[in-house]
Amino acid sequence: MSAERTGERTAEEATHQTDQTARTELTLTTAAVATAAVRYYSVAPGYRLNVRSGPGTDYTVIRVLSEGAKIRIYCQRPGEAIAGPYGTSNIWDNIDNGEYVSDAYVLTGSDGYVAARCS
């Protein structure tokens, strides 16, 4: 194989390696942003919180969160107004597929929406 031919292959390999490195860095950056975006909120101290199948007390209790629980809010939707330790709110937090808790019992640091509205 000629020296010229060897040089071409080396340049191609270098370009391929650079492309691969860029894709790896992009993947790692995307994963870091996704991880940083995940936020957990505390349930009010001293409360065990009912998790319901919908945004109101007329919906079935699916389970109960223990005192000191932290939750991830996937989306929020309006529903029955509930008075709790963090005021009165009609916002309900979706914490899993078909599982809702009243935002009045969750320390979000806001009286409004902190996540996208559920569709």
C-alpha atoms as a PDB file:
ATOM      1  CA  MET A   1       0.000   0.000   0.000  1.00  0.00           C
ATOM      2  CA  SER A   2       1.365   3.435  -0.897  1.00  0.00           C
ATOM      3  CA  ALA A   3       2.178   6.100   1.675  1.00  0.00           C
ATOM      4  CA  GLU A   4      -0.411   8.356   0.016  1.00  0.00           C
ATOM      5  CA  ARG A   5      -3.096   5.696   0.436  1.00  0.00           C
ATOM      6  CA  THR A   6      -2.152   5.169   4.096  1.00  0.00           C
ATOM      7  CA  GLY A   7      -2.454   8.921   4.689  1.00  0.00           C
ATOM      8  CA  GLU A   8      -5.974   8.954   3.207  1.00  0.00           C
ATOM      9  CA  ARG A   9      -7.135   6.166   5.465  1.00  0.00           C
ATOM     10  CA  THR A  10      -5.672   7.882   8.501  1.00  0.00           C
ATOM     11  CA  ALA A  11      -7.525  11.110   7.642  1.00  0.00           C
ATOM     12  CA  GLU A  12     -10.781   9.160   7.205  1.00  0.00           C
ATOM     13  CA  GLU A  13     -10.235   7.369  10.506  1.00  0.00           C
ATOM     14  CA  ALA A  14      -9.528  10.680  12.243  1.00  0.00           C
ATOM     15  CA  THR A  15     -12.715  12.207  10.811  1.00  0.00           C
ATOM     16  CA  HIS A  16     -14.716   9.146  11.892  1.00  0.00           C
ATOM     17  CA  GLN A  17     -13.201   9.325  15.389  1.00  0.00           C
ATOM     18  CA  THR A  18     -14.026  13.050  15.632  1.00  0.00           C
ATOM     19  CA  ASP A  19     -17.632  12.409  14.556  1.00  0.00           C
ATOM     20  CA  GLN A  20     -17.956   9.597  17.072  1.00  0.00           C
ATOM     21  CA  THR A  21     -16.514  11.745  19.872  1.00  0.00           C
ATOM     22  CA  ALA A  22     -18.944  14.573  19.035  1.00  0.00           C
ATOM     23  CA  ARG A  23     -21.907  12.160  19.121  1.00  0.00           C
ATOM     24  CA  THR A  24     -20.757  10.758  22.467  1.00  0.00           C
ATOM     25  CA  GLU A  25     -20.394  14.259  23.952  1.00  0.00           C
ATOM     26  CA  LEU A  26     -23.861  15.213  22.671  1.00  0.00           C
ATOM     27  CA  THR A  27     -25.374  12.079  24.214  1.00  0.00           C
ATOM     28  CA  LEU A  28     -23.686  12.752  27.561  1.00  0.00           C
ATOM     29  CA  THR A  29     -24.790  16.413  27.498  1.00  0.00           C
ATOM     30  CA  THR A  30     -28.385  15.410  26.688  1.00  0.00           C
ATOM     31  CA  ALA A  31     -28.366  12.874  29.539  1.00  0.00           C
ATOM     32  CA  ALA A  32     -26.976  15.463  31.960  1.00  0.00           C
ATOM     33  CA  VAL A  33     -29.689  17.983  31.020  1.00  0.00           C
ATOM     34  CA  ALA A  34     -32.410  15.332  31.407  1.00  0.00           C
ATOM     35  CA  THR A  35     -31.021  14.328  34.810  1.00  0.00           C
ATOM     36  CA  ALA A  36     -30.767  17.942  35.945  1.00  0.00           C
ATOM     37  CA  ALA A  37     -34.398  18.549  34.915  1.00  0.00           C
ATOM     38  CA  VAL A  38     -35.717  15.839  37.258  1.00  0.00           C
ATOM     39  CA  ARG A  39     -36.941  17.509  40.429  1.00  0.00           C
ATOM     40  CA  TYR A  40     -38.436  15.982  43.546  1.00  0.00           C
ATOM     41  CA  TYR A  41     -40.763  17.788  45.937  1.00  0.00           C
ATOM     42  CA  SER A  42     -41.428  17.083  49.610  1.00  0.00           C
ATOM     43  CA  VAL A  43     -44.809  16.176  51.019  1.00  0.00           C
ATOM     44  CA  ALA A  44     -45.722  18.415  53.986  1.00  0.00           C
ATOM     45  CA  PRO A  45     -44.046  17.207  57.198  1.00  0.00           C
ATOM     46  CA  GLY A  46     -46.257  15.151  59.482  1.00  0.00           C
ATOM     47  CA  TYR A  47     -48.696  14.106  56.742  1.00  0.00           C
ATOM     48  CA  ARG A  48     -49.424  10.801  55.091  1.00  0.00           C
ATOM     49  CA  LEU A  49     -50.831  11.750  51.708  1.00  0.00           C
ATOM     50  CA  ASN A  50     -53.575   9.934  49.810  1.00  0.00           C
ATOM     51  CA  VAL A  51     -52.716   9.193  46.187  1.00  0.00           C
ATOM     52  CA  ARG A  52     -55.888   9.196  44.106  1.00  0.00           C
ATOM     53  CA  SER A  53     -56.870   7.982  40.653  1.00  0.00           C
ATOM     54  CA  GLY A  54     -57.936  11.502  39.607  1.00  0.00           C
ATOM     55  CA  PRO A  55     -57.877  15.177  40.660  1.00  0.00           C
ATOM     56  CA  GLY A  56     -60.380  15.139  43.519  1.00  0.00           C
ATOM     57  CA  THR A  57     -61.518  13.409  46.695  1.00  0.00           C
ATOM     58  CA  ASP A  58     -64.295  11.607  44.791  1.00  0.00           C
ATOM     59  CA  TYR A  59     -61.599   9.517  43.075  1.00  0.00           C
ATOM     60  CA  THR A  60     -60.379   6.208  44.516  1.00  0.00           C
ATOM     61  CA  VAL A  61     -57.420   6.171  46.911  1.00  0.00           C
ATOM     62  CA  ILE A  62     -54.762   4.041  45.192  1.00  0.00           C
ATOM     63  CA  ARG A  63     -52.119   4.180  47.896  1.00  0.00           C
ATOM     64  CA  VAL A  64     -50.870   6.384  50.718  1.00  0.00           C
ATOM     65  CA  LEU A  65     -47.508   8.153  50.746  1.00  0.00           C
ATOM     66  CA  SER A  66     -45.604   7.914  54.013  1.00  0.00           C
ATOM     67  CA  GLU A  67     -44.512  10.903  56.087  1.00  0.00           C
ATOM     68  CA  GLY A  68     -41.422  12.533  54.614  1.00  0.00           C
ATOM     69  CA  ALA A  69     -42.074  11.231  51.102  1.00  0.00           C
ATOM     70  CA  LYS A  70     -40.591  13.011  48.104  1.00  0.00           C
ATOM     71  CA  ILE A  71     -42.440  12.976  44.795  1.00  0.00           C
ATOM     72  CA  ARG A  72     -41.713  13.726  41.173  1.00  0.00           C
ATOM     73  CA  ILE A  73     -44.387  15.793  39.417  1.00  0.00           C
ATOM     74  CA  TYR A  74     -44.817  14.746  35.789  1.00  0.00           C
ATOM     75  CA  CYS A  75     -47.634  17.172  35.020  1.00  0.00           C
ATOM     76  CA  GLN A  76     -50.401  19.092  36.799  1.00  0.00           C
ATOM     77  CA  ARG A  77     -54.087  19.633  36.204  1.00  0.00           C
ATOM     78  CA  PRO A  78     -56.940  21.549  37.791  1.00  0.00           C
ATOM     79  CA  GLY A  79     -59.438  19.699  39.941  1.00  0.00           C
ATOM     80  CA  GLU A  80     -61.198  19.923  43.277  1.00  0.00           C
ATOM     81  CA  ALA A  81     -59.994  22.763  45.536  1.00  0.00           C
ATOM     82  CA  ILE A  82     -58.323  21.384  48.670  1.00  0.00           C
ATOM     83  CA  ALA A  83     -57.183  23.233  51.807  1.00  0.00           C
ATOM     84  CA  GLY A  84     -53.865  21.955  53.133  1.00  0.00           C
ATOM     85  CA  PRO A  85     -50.740  23.083  54.970  1.00  0.00           C
ATOM     86  CA  TYR A  86     -49.587  25.092  51.933  1.00  0.00           C
ATOM     87  CA  GLY A  87     -52.880  26.911  51.394  1.00  0.00           C
ATOM     88  CA  THR A  88     -55.936  26.134  49.302  1.00  0.00           C
ATOM     89  CA  SER A  89     -55.310  24.898  45.782  1.00  0.00           C
ATOM     90  CA  ASN A  90     -57.226  23.335  42.930  1.00  0.00           C
ATOM     91  CA  ILE A  91     -53.965  22.066  41.379  1.00  0.00           C
ATOM     92  CA  TRP A  92     -53.406  18.311  41.395  1.00  0.00           C
ATOM     93  CA  ASP A  93     -49.980  16.803  40.778  1.00  0.00           C
ATOM     94  CA  ASN A  94     -49.637  13.738  38.558  1.00  0.00           C
ATOM     95  CA  ILE A  95     -46.940  11.622  40.248  1.00  0.00           C
ATOM     96  CA  ASP A  96     -47.301   8.470  38.147  1.00  0.00           C
ATOM     97  CA  ASN A  97     -49.578   7.044  35.493  1.00  0.00           C
ATOM     98  CA  GLY A  98     -53.112   7.724  36.784  1.00  0.00           C
ATOM     99  CA  GLU A  99     -51.913   8.850  40.236  1.00  0.00           C
ATOM    100  CA  TYR A 100     -52.658  12.307  41.656  1.00  0.00           C
ATOM    101  CA  VAL A 101     -52.044  14.192  44.907  1.00  0.00           C
ATOM    102  CA  SER A 102     -53.316  17.600  45.976  1.00  0.00           C
ATOM    103  CA  ASP A 103     -50.704  20.306  45.467  1.00  0.00           C
ATOM    104  CA  ALA A 104     -51.848  21.883  48.759  1.00  0.00           C
ATOM    105  CA  TYR A 105     -49.827  19.144  50.528  1.00  0.00           C
ATOM    106  CA  VAL A 106     -46.666  19.429  48.394  1.00  0.00           C
ATOM    107  CA  LEU A 107     -43.889  21.967  48.966  1.00  0.00           C
ATOM    108  CA  THR A 108     -43.313  23.283  45.443  1.00  0.00           C
ATOM    109  CA  GLY A 109     -42.349  26.831  46.407  1.00  0.00           C
ATOM    110  CA  SER A 110     -45.163  28.219  44.258  1.00  0.00           C
ATOM    111  CA  ASP A 111     -48.908  28.830  44.439  1.00  0.00           C
ATOM    112  CA  GLY A 112     -49.111  28.128  40.699  1.00  0.00           C
ATOM    113  CA  TYR A 113     -48.103  25.456  38.250  1.00  0.00           C
ATOM    114  CA  VAL A 114     -44.511  24.160  38.438  1.00  0.00           C
ATOM    115  CA  ALA A 115     -44.910  21.548  35.677  1.00  0.00           C
ATOM    116  CA  ALA A 116     -46.664  21.296  32.338  1.00  0.00           C
ATOM    117  CA  ARG A 117     -50.432  20.801  32.324  1.00  0.00           C
ATOM    118  CA  CYS A 118     -51.518  17.202  31.881  1.00  0.00           C
ATOM    119  CA  SER A 119     -53.042  16.502  28.491  1.00  0.00           C
END
